[in-house]
Amino acid sequence: MRLEDCREAYYSHSTTASEVNRNLAFAALAVVWIFRLEQTAPTLLPTALIWPTILAVLSLGLDLLQYVTSAAIWGIYTRYKERSRISGKTEFLAPRQTNWPGLAFFWGKIGSLIIAYVLLLKFLASRL
């Protein structure tokens, strides 16, 4: 196995994880919508669903931030390399820190959705 194979496996799995996470966040919001209260209540959500809702929305926000910051960082880094007159075929290593913001947002969105689902499942179990 080559390092390139490891990177390709990582990219494939993280892309799939992001897609699944995004769909699960929307599904969590759909479940919350099903259990919303009548308009006469002070809030539209049962108290137990407020945090799962916040965390699902946070997960979607972190998803966006992951891609926006990564695109910005890699765009700036690419431009920096272009200005240093490096050839398009020259091999070089990017600094490790380049991916850290994207990774932080990636794991943050996964973690916040896991917590949202734990709270959502706790709510659903109390309804049984």
N, C-alpha and C. Protein backbone atom coordinates (compact mmCIF):
# COMPACT_ATOMS: atom_id res chain seq x y z
N MET A 1 0.85 -1.18 0.00
CA MET A 1 0.00 0.00 0.00
C MET A 1 0.89 1.24 0.00
N ARG A 2 0.48 2.21 -0.75
CA ARG A 2 1.21 3.46 -0.83
C ARG A 2 0.51 4.53 0.02
N LEU A 3 1.25 5.55 0.36
CA LEU A 3 0.68 6.67 1.10
C LEU A 3 -0.49 7.28 0.33
N GLU A 4 -0.36 7.33 -0.97
CA GLU A 4 -1.43 7.85 -1.82
C GLU A 4 -2.72 7.02 -1.65
N ASP A 5 -2.58 5.70 -1.51
CA ASP A 5 -3.74 4.83 -1.28
C ASP A 5 -4.42 5.15 0.06
N CYS A 6 -3.60 5.39 1.07
CA CYS A 6 -4.14 5.75 2.39
C CYS A 6 -4.90 7.06 2.31
N ARG A 7 -4.33 8.04 1.62
CA ARG A 7 -5.00 9.34 1.47
C ARG A 7 -6.32 9.18 0.73
N GLU A 8 -6.31 8.39 -0.32
CA GLU A 8 -7.54 8.18 -1.11
C GLU A 8 -8.63 7.52 -0.25
N ALA A 9 -8.24 6.55 0.57
CA ALA A 9 -9.21 5.90 1.47
C ALA A 9 -9.75 6.91 2.47
N TYR A 10 -8.87 7.74 3.01
CA TYR A 10 -9.30 8.77 3.95
C TYR A 10 -10.27 9.74 3.29
N TYR A 11 -9.94 10.23 2.11
CA TYR A 11 -10.81 11.18 1.41
C TYR A 11 -12.17 10.56 1.11
N SER A 12 -12.16 9.33 0.69
CA SER A 12 -13.41 8.63 0.37
C SER A 12 -14.30 8.49 1.60
N HIS A 13 -13.70 8.05 2.71
CA HIS A 13 -14.48 7.84 3.93
C HIS A 13 -14.93 9.15 4.56
N SER A 14 -14.08 10.16 4.54
CA SER A 14 -14.49 11.44 5.14
C SER A 14 -15.57 12.12 4.30
N THR A 15 -15.52 11.96 2.99
CA THR A 15 -16.57 12.51 2.12
C THR A 15 -17.90 11.82 2.41
N THR A 16 -17.87 10.50 2.51
CA THR A 16 -19.09 9.76 2.81
C THR A 16 -19.60 10.11 4.20
N ALA A 17 -18.71 10.22 5.17
CA ALA A 17 -19.12 10.59 6.53
C ALA A 17 -19.79 11.96 6.54
N SER A 18 -19.27 12.90 5.77
CA SER A 18 -19.87 14.23 5.69
C SER A 18 -21.27 14.17 5.08
N GLU A 19 -21.43 13.40 4.03
CA GLU A 19 -22.74 13.27 3.38
C GLU A 19 -23.76 12.63 4.32
N VAL A 20 -23.35 11.55 5.00
CA VAL A 20 -24.25 10.87 5.94
C VAL A 20 -24.59 11.79 7.11
N ASN A 21 -23.58 12.49 7.63
CA ASN A 21 -23.81 13.42 8.74
C ASN A 21 -24.82 14.49 8.35
N ARG A 22 -24.67 15.05 7.16
CA ARG A 22 -25.58 16.09 6.69
C ARG A 22 -27.02 15.56 6.60
N ASN A 23 -27.17 14.37 6.04
CA ASN A 23 -28.51 13.77 5.93
C ASN A 23 -29.10 13.46 7.30
N LEU A 24 -28.29 12.98 8.22
CA LEU A 24 -28.78 12.70 9.57
C LEU A 24 -29.16 13.98 10.31
N ALA A 25 -28.44 15.07 10.06
CA ALA A 25 -28.80 16.34 10.69
C ALA A 25 -30.17 16.81 10.20
N PHE A 26 -30.41 16.69 8.90
CA PHE A 26 -31.73 17.05 8.37
C PHE A 26 -32.80 16.11 8.91
N ALA A 27 -32.48 14.83 9.05
CA ALA A 27 -33.44 13.87 9.60
C ALA A 27 -33.77 14.21 11.05
N ALA A 28 -32.77 14.61 11.82
CA ALA A 28 -33.02 15.01 13.22
C ALA A 28 -33.96 16.20 13.27
N LEU A 29 -33.74 17.17 12.40
CA LEU A 29 -34.63 18.33 12.37
C LEU A 29 -36.05 17.94 11.94
N ALA A 30 -36.16 16.95 11.07
CA ALA A 30 -37.48 16.46 10.67
C ALA A 30 -38.20 15.80 11.84
N VAL A 31 -37.47 15.03 12.63
CA VAL A 31 -38.08 14.40 13.81
C VAL A 31 -38.53 15.47 14.80
N VAL A 32 -37.71 16.47 15.00
CA VAL A 32 -38.09 17.58 15.89
C VAL A 32 -39.35 18.25 15.37
N TRP A 33 -39.44 18.45 14.08
CA TRP A 33 -40.61 19.08 13.47
C TRP A 33 -41.88 18.26 13.75
N ILE A 34 -41.77 16.96 13.71
CA ILE A 34 -42.92 16.09 13.97
C ILE A 34 -43.45 16.30 15.38
N PHE A 35 -42.56 16.52 16.34
CA PHE A 35 -42.95 16.64 17.74
C PHE A 35 -43.13 18.09 18.19
N ARG A 36 -43.18 19.02 17.26
CA ARG A 36 -43.37 20.42 17.66
C ARG A 36 -44.73 20.57 18.34
N LEU A 37 -44.86 21.63 19.11
CA LEU A 37 -46.07 21.88 19.87
C LEU A 37 -47.03 22.77 19.08
N GLU A 38 -48.22 22.87 19.58
CA GLU A 38 -49.21 23.76 18.97
C GLU A 38 -48.76 25.22 19.12
N GLN A 39 -49.28 26.07 18.30
CA GLN A 39 -48.92 27.49 18.30
C GLN A 39 -49.19 28.18 19.64
N THR A 40 -50.07 27.62 20.47
CA THR A 40 -50.43 28.28 21.73
C THR A 40 -49.35 28.15 22.80
N ALA A 41 -48.40 27.26 22.61
CA ALA A 41 -47.34 27.08 23.60
C ALA A 41 -46.35 28.26 23.52
N PRO A 42 -45.65 28.56 24.65
CA PRO A 42 -44.68 29.66 24.63
C PRO A 42 -43.56 29.43 23.61
N THR A 43 -43.14 28.20 23.44
CA THR A 43 -42.17 27.86 22.39
C THR A 43 -42.81 26.79 21.51
N LEU A 44 -42.27 26.62 20.33
CA LEU A 44 -42.81 25.62 19.42
C LEU A 44 -42.23 24.23 19.65
N LEU A 45 -41.26 24.12 20.55
CA LEU A 45 -40.61 22.84 20.79
C LEU A 45 -40.74 22.42 22.24
N PRO A 46 -40.89 21.10 22.46
CA PRO A 46 -40.76 20.63 23.84
C PRO A 46 -39.34 20.95 24.34
N THR A 47 -39.22 21.23 25.60
CA THR A 47 -37.93 21.60 26.18
C THR A 47 -36.85 20.56 25.87
N ALA A 48 -37.22 19.29 25.89
CA ALA A 48 -36.25 18.22 25.66
C ALA A 48 -35.72 18.22 24.23
N LEU A 49 -36.36 18.92 23.31
CA LEU A 49 -35.91 18.93 21.92
C LEU A 49 -35.12 20.18 21.54
N ILE A 50 -34.99 21.11 22.47
CA ILE A 50 -34.27 22.34 22.15
C ILE A 50 -32.79 22.06 21.88
N TRP A 51 -32.11 21.32 22.76
CA TRP A 51 -30.69 21.03 22.55
C TRP A 51 -30.43 20.15 21.34
N PRO A 52 -31.23 19.10 21.10
CA PRO A 52 -31.00 18.35 19.87
C PRO A 52 -31.14 19.22 18.61
N THR A 53 -32.07 20.16 18.65
CA THR A 53 -32.25 21.06 17.51
C THR A 53 -31.04 21.97 17.35
N ILE A 54 -30.59 22.56 18.43
CA ILE A 54 -29.41 23.44 18.39
C ILE A 54 -28.20 22.67 17.88
N LEU A 55 -28.00 21.46 18.38
CA LEU A 55 -26.83 20.68 17.98
C LEU A 55 -26.91 20.22 16.53
N ALA A 56 -28.09 19.89 16.04
CA ALA A 56 -28.24 19.50 14.63
C ALA A 56 -27.95 20.69 13.72
N VAL A 57 -28.45 21.87 14.10
CA VAL A 57 -28.18 23.08 13.31
C VAL A 57 -26.69 23.44 13.40
N LEU A 58 -26.11 23.29 14.59
CA LEU A 58 -24.67 23.53 14.76
C LEU A 58 -23.87 22.60 13.85
N SER A 59 -24.27 21.34 13.78
CA SER A 59 -23.59 20.38 12.92
C SER A 59 -23.62 20.83 11.46
N LEU A 60 -24.76 21.33 11.01
CA LEU A 60 -24.86 21.83 9.63
C LEU A 60 -23.99 23.07 9.43
N GLY A 61 -23.94 23.93 10.44
CA GLY A 61 -23.08 25.12 10.35
C GLY A 61 -21.61 24.75 10.30
N LEU A 62 -21.21 23.78 11.13
CA LEU A 62 -19.83 23.32 11.12
C LEU A 62 -19.48 22.63 9.79
N ASP A 63 -20.46 21.97 9.20
CA ASP A 63 -20.27 21.35 7.89
C ASP A 63 -19.91 22.42 6.86
N LEU A 64 -20.67 23.50 6.86
CA LEU A 64 -20.38 24.60 5.94
C LEU A 64 -19.00 25.20 6.23
N LEU A 65 -18.72 25.46 7.51
CA LEU A 65 -17.43 26.05 7.88
C LEU A 65 -16.26 25.16 7.49
N GLN A 66 -16.44 23.84 7.59
CA GLN A 66 -15.38 22.92 7.19
C GLN A 66 -14.99 23.16 5.74
N TYR A 67 -15.98 23.23 4.87
CA TYR A 67 -15.69 23.37 3.45
C TYR A 67 -15.25 24.78 3.08
N VAL A 68 -15.83 25.78 3.71
CA VAL A 68 -15.45 27.16 3.40
C VAL A 68 -14.01 27.44 3.85
N THR A 69 -13.68 27.06 5.08
CA THR A 69 -12.31 27.33 5.56
C THR A 69 -11.29 26.51 4.78
N SER A 70 -11.61 25.25 4.52
CA SER A 70 -10.66 24.42 3.76
C SER A 70 -10.45 24.97 2.35
N ALA A 71 -11.53 25.39 1.71
CA ALA A 71 -11.41 25.97 0.36
C ALA A 71 -10.57 27.25 0.41
N ALA A 72 -10.81 28.09 1.41
CA ALA A 72 -10.06 29.34 1.53
C ALA A 72 -8.58 29.06 1.79
N ILE A 73 -8.30 28.18 2.73
CA ILE A 73 -6.91 27.88 3.07
C ILE A 73 -6.18 27.30 1.87
N TRP A 74 -6.80 26.32 1.21
CA TRP A 74 -6.12 25.70 0.06
C TRP A 74 -6.04 26.66 -1.13
N GLY A 75 -7.02 27.52 -1.29
CA GLY A 75 -6.95 28.52 -2.35
C GLY A 75 -5.82 29.50 -2.11
N ILE A 76 -5.68 29.97 -0.88
CA ILE A 76 -4.60 30.90 -0.53
C ILE A 76 -3.25 30.22 -0.66
N TYR A 77 -3.17 28.99 -0.19
CA TYR A 77 -1.90 28.26 -0.27
C TYR A 77 -1.50 28.01 -1.73
N THR A 78 -2.47 27.65 -2.55
CA THR A 78 -2.20 27.43 -3.97
C THR A 78 -1.69 28.72 -4.62
N ARG A 79 -2.35 29.83 -4.30
CA ARG A 79 -1.93 31.12 -4.86
C ARG A 79 -0.52 31.47 -4.40
N TYR A 80 -0.22 31.19 -3.14
CA TYR A 80 1.12 31.43 -2.60
C TYR A 80 2.15 30.63 -3.39
N LYS A 81 1.85 29.36 -3.65
CA LYS A 81 2.77 28.51 -4.40
C LYS A 81 2.92 29.00 -5.85
N GLU A 82 1.82 29.46 -6.44
CA GLU A 82 1.88 29.99 -7.80
C GLU A 82 2.78 31.22 -7.87
N ARG A 83 2.65 32.08 -6.87
CA ARG A 83 3.47 33.31 -6.85
C ARG A 83 4.94 33.02 -6.60
N SER A 84 5.22 31.88 -5.98
CA SER A 84 6.63 31.53 -5.74
C SER A 84 7.24 30.88 -6.98
N ARG A 85 6.49 30.91 -8.07
CA ARG A 85 6.95 30.44 -9.38
C ARG A 85 7.26 28.94 -9.40
N ILE A 86 6.54 28.19 -8.60
CA ILE A 86 6.75 26.74 -8.59
C ILE A 86 6.07 26.14 -9.82
N SER A 87 6.70 25.18 -10.41
CA SER A 87 6.15 24.53 -11.59
C SER A 87 4.93 23.67 -11.21
N GLY A 88 3.99 23.53 -12.13
CA GLY A 88 2.79 22.74 -11.88
C GLY A 88 3.06 21.27 -11.66
N LYS A 89 4.25 20.81 -12.02
CA LYS A 89 4.60 19.39 -11.87
C LYS A 89 5.58 19.14 -10.73
N THR A 90 5.97 20.19 -10.03
CA THR A 90 6.92 20.05 -8.94
C THR A 90 6.25 19.42 -7.72
N GLU A 91 6.90 18.43 -7.14
CA GLU A 91 6.40 17.78 -5.93
C GLU A 91 6.84 18.58 -4.70
N PHE A 92 5.94 18.76 -3.75
CA PHE A 92 6.28 19.44 -2.50
C PHE A 92 5.31 18.98 -1.43
N LEU A 93 5.66 19.21 -0.18
CA LEU A 93 4.79 18.86 0.95
C LEU A 93 4.15 20.12 1.50
N ALA A 94 2.87 20.05 1.75
CA ALA A 94 2.17 21.18 2.38
C ALA A 94 2.35 21.07 3.89
N PRO A 95 2.34 22.19 4.59
CA PRO A 95 2.45 22.14 6.05
C PRO A 95 1.28 21.36 6.67
N ARG A 96 1.56 20.61 7.71
CA ARG A 96 0.52 19.81 8.38
C ARG A 96 -0.65 20.67 8.85
N GLN A 97 -0.35 21.85 9.33
CA GLN A 97 -1.36 22.74 9.89
C GLN A 97 -2.42 23.15 8.87
N THR A 98 -2.14 22.96 7.60
CA THR A 98 -3.07 23.38 6.55
C THR A 98 -4.45 22.74 6.73
N ASN A 99 -4.48 21.51 7.16
CA ASN A 99 -5.75 20.79 7.30
C ASN A 99 -6.38 20.89 8.69
N TRP A 100 -5.70 21.45 9.66
CA TRP A 100 -6.20 21.45 11.03
C TRP A 100 -7.55 22.14 11.20
N PRO A 101 -7.79 23.33 10.63
CA PRO A 101 -9.12 23.94 10.80
C PRO A 101 -10.24 23.07 10.22
N GLY A 102 -10.03 22.54 9.03
CA GLY A 102 -11.04 21.67 8.42
C GLY A 102 -11.30 20.43 9.25
N LEU A 103 -10.23 19.84 9.79
CA LEU A 103 -10.38 18.65 10.64
C LEU A 103 -11.13 18.97 11.93
N ALA A 104 -10.85 20.13 12.50
CA ALA A 104 -11.56 20.54 13.73
C ALA A 104 -13.06 20.68 13.45
N PHE A 105 -13.40 21.32 12.35
CA PHE A 105 -14.82 21.45 12.00
C PHE A 105 -15.44 20.10 11.65
N PHE A 106 -14.68 19.22 10.98
CA PHE A 106 -15.17 17.89 10.62
C PHE A 106 -15.55 17.11 11.89
N TRP A 107 -14.62 17.03 12.84
CA TRP A 107 -14.91 16.27 14.05
C TRP A 107 -15.93 16.98 14.94
N GLY A 108 -15.96 18.29 14.89
CA GLY A 108 -16.97 19.04 15.64
C GLY A 108 -18.38 18.75 15.14
N LYS A 109 -18.55 18.70 13.82
CA LYS A 109 -19.89 18.45 13.28
C LYS A 109 -20.32 17.02 13.58
N ILE A 110 -19.39 16.06 13.51
CA ILE A 110 -19.73 14.68 13.83
C ILE A 110 -20.09 14.56 15.31
N GLY A 111 -19.27 15.14 16.16
CA GLY A 111 -19.51 15.08 17.60
C GLY A 111 -20.81 15.74 18.02
N SER A 112 -21.10 16.90 17.46
CA SER A 112 -22.34 17.59 17.85
C SER A 112 -23.56 16.81 17.40
N LEU A 113 -23.48 16.14 16.26
CA LEU A 113 -24.63 15.36 15.80
C LEU A 113 -24.80 14.08 16.61
N ILE A 114 -23.70 13.48 17.05
CA ILE A 114 -23.81 12.30 17.92
C ILE A 114 -24.51 12.68 19.22
N ILE A 115 -24.13 13.79 19.80
CA ILE A 115 -24.78 14.24 21.04
C ILE A 115 -26.25 14.56 20.77
N ALA A 116 -26.53 15.21 19.63
CA ALA A 116 -27.93 15.52 19.29
C ALA A 116 -28.76 14.25 19.20
N TYR A 117 -28.21 13.21 18.59
CA TYR A 117 -28.95 11.96 18.46
C TYR A 117 -29.12 11.24 19.80
N VAL A 118 -28.14 11.32 20.67
CA VAL A 118 -28.29 10.72 22.01
C VAL A 118 -29.46 11.40 22.72
N LEU A 119 -29.51 12.73 22.66
CA LEU A 119 -30.60 13.46 23.31
C LEU A 119 -31.94 13.20 22.62
N LEU A 120 -31.91 13.10 21.30
CA LEU A 120 -33.14 12.82 20.55
C LEU A 120 -33.66 11.42 20.86
N LEU A 121 -32.77 10.46 20.91
CA LEU A 121 -33.19 9.08 21.26
C LEU A 121 -33.70 9.00 22.69
N LYS A 122 -33.10 9.76 23.59
CA LYS A 122 -33.57 9.82 24.98
C LYS A 122 -35.01 10.37 25.00
N PHE A 123 -35.27 11.41 24.22
CA PHE A 123 -36.61 11.97 24.14
C PHE A 123 -37.59 10.96 23.58
N LEU A 124 -37.21 10.31 22.50
CA LEU A 124 -38.10 9.32 21.87
C LEU A 124 -38.37 8.13 22.79
N ALA A 125 -37.35 7.71 23.53
CA ALA A 125 -37.53 6.60 24.47
C ALA A 125 -38.51 6.98 25.58
N SER A 126 -38.51 8.24 25.99
CA SER A 126 -39.45 8.68 27.04
C SER A 126 -40.88 8.72 26.53
N ARG A 127 -41.05 8.73 25.21
CA ARG A 127 -42.40 8.75 24.62
C ARG A 127 -42.97 7.34 24.45
N LEU A 128 -42.15 6.31 24.63
CA LEU A 128 -42.63 4.93 24.46
C LEU A 128 -43.38 4.44 25.67
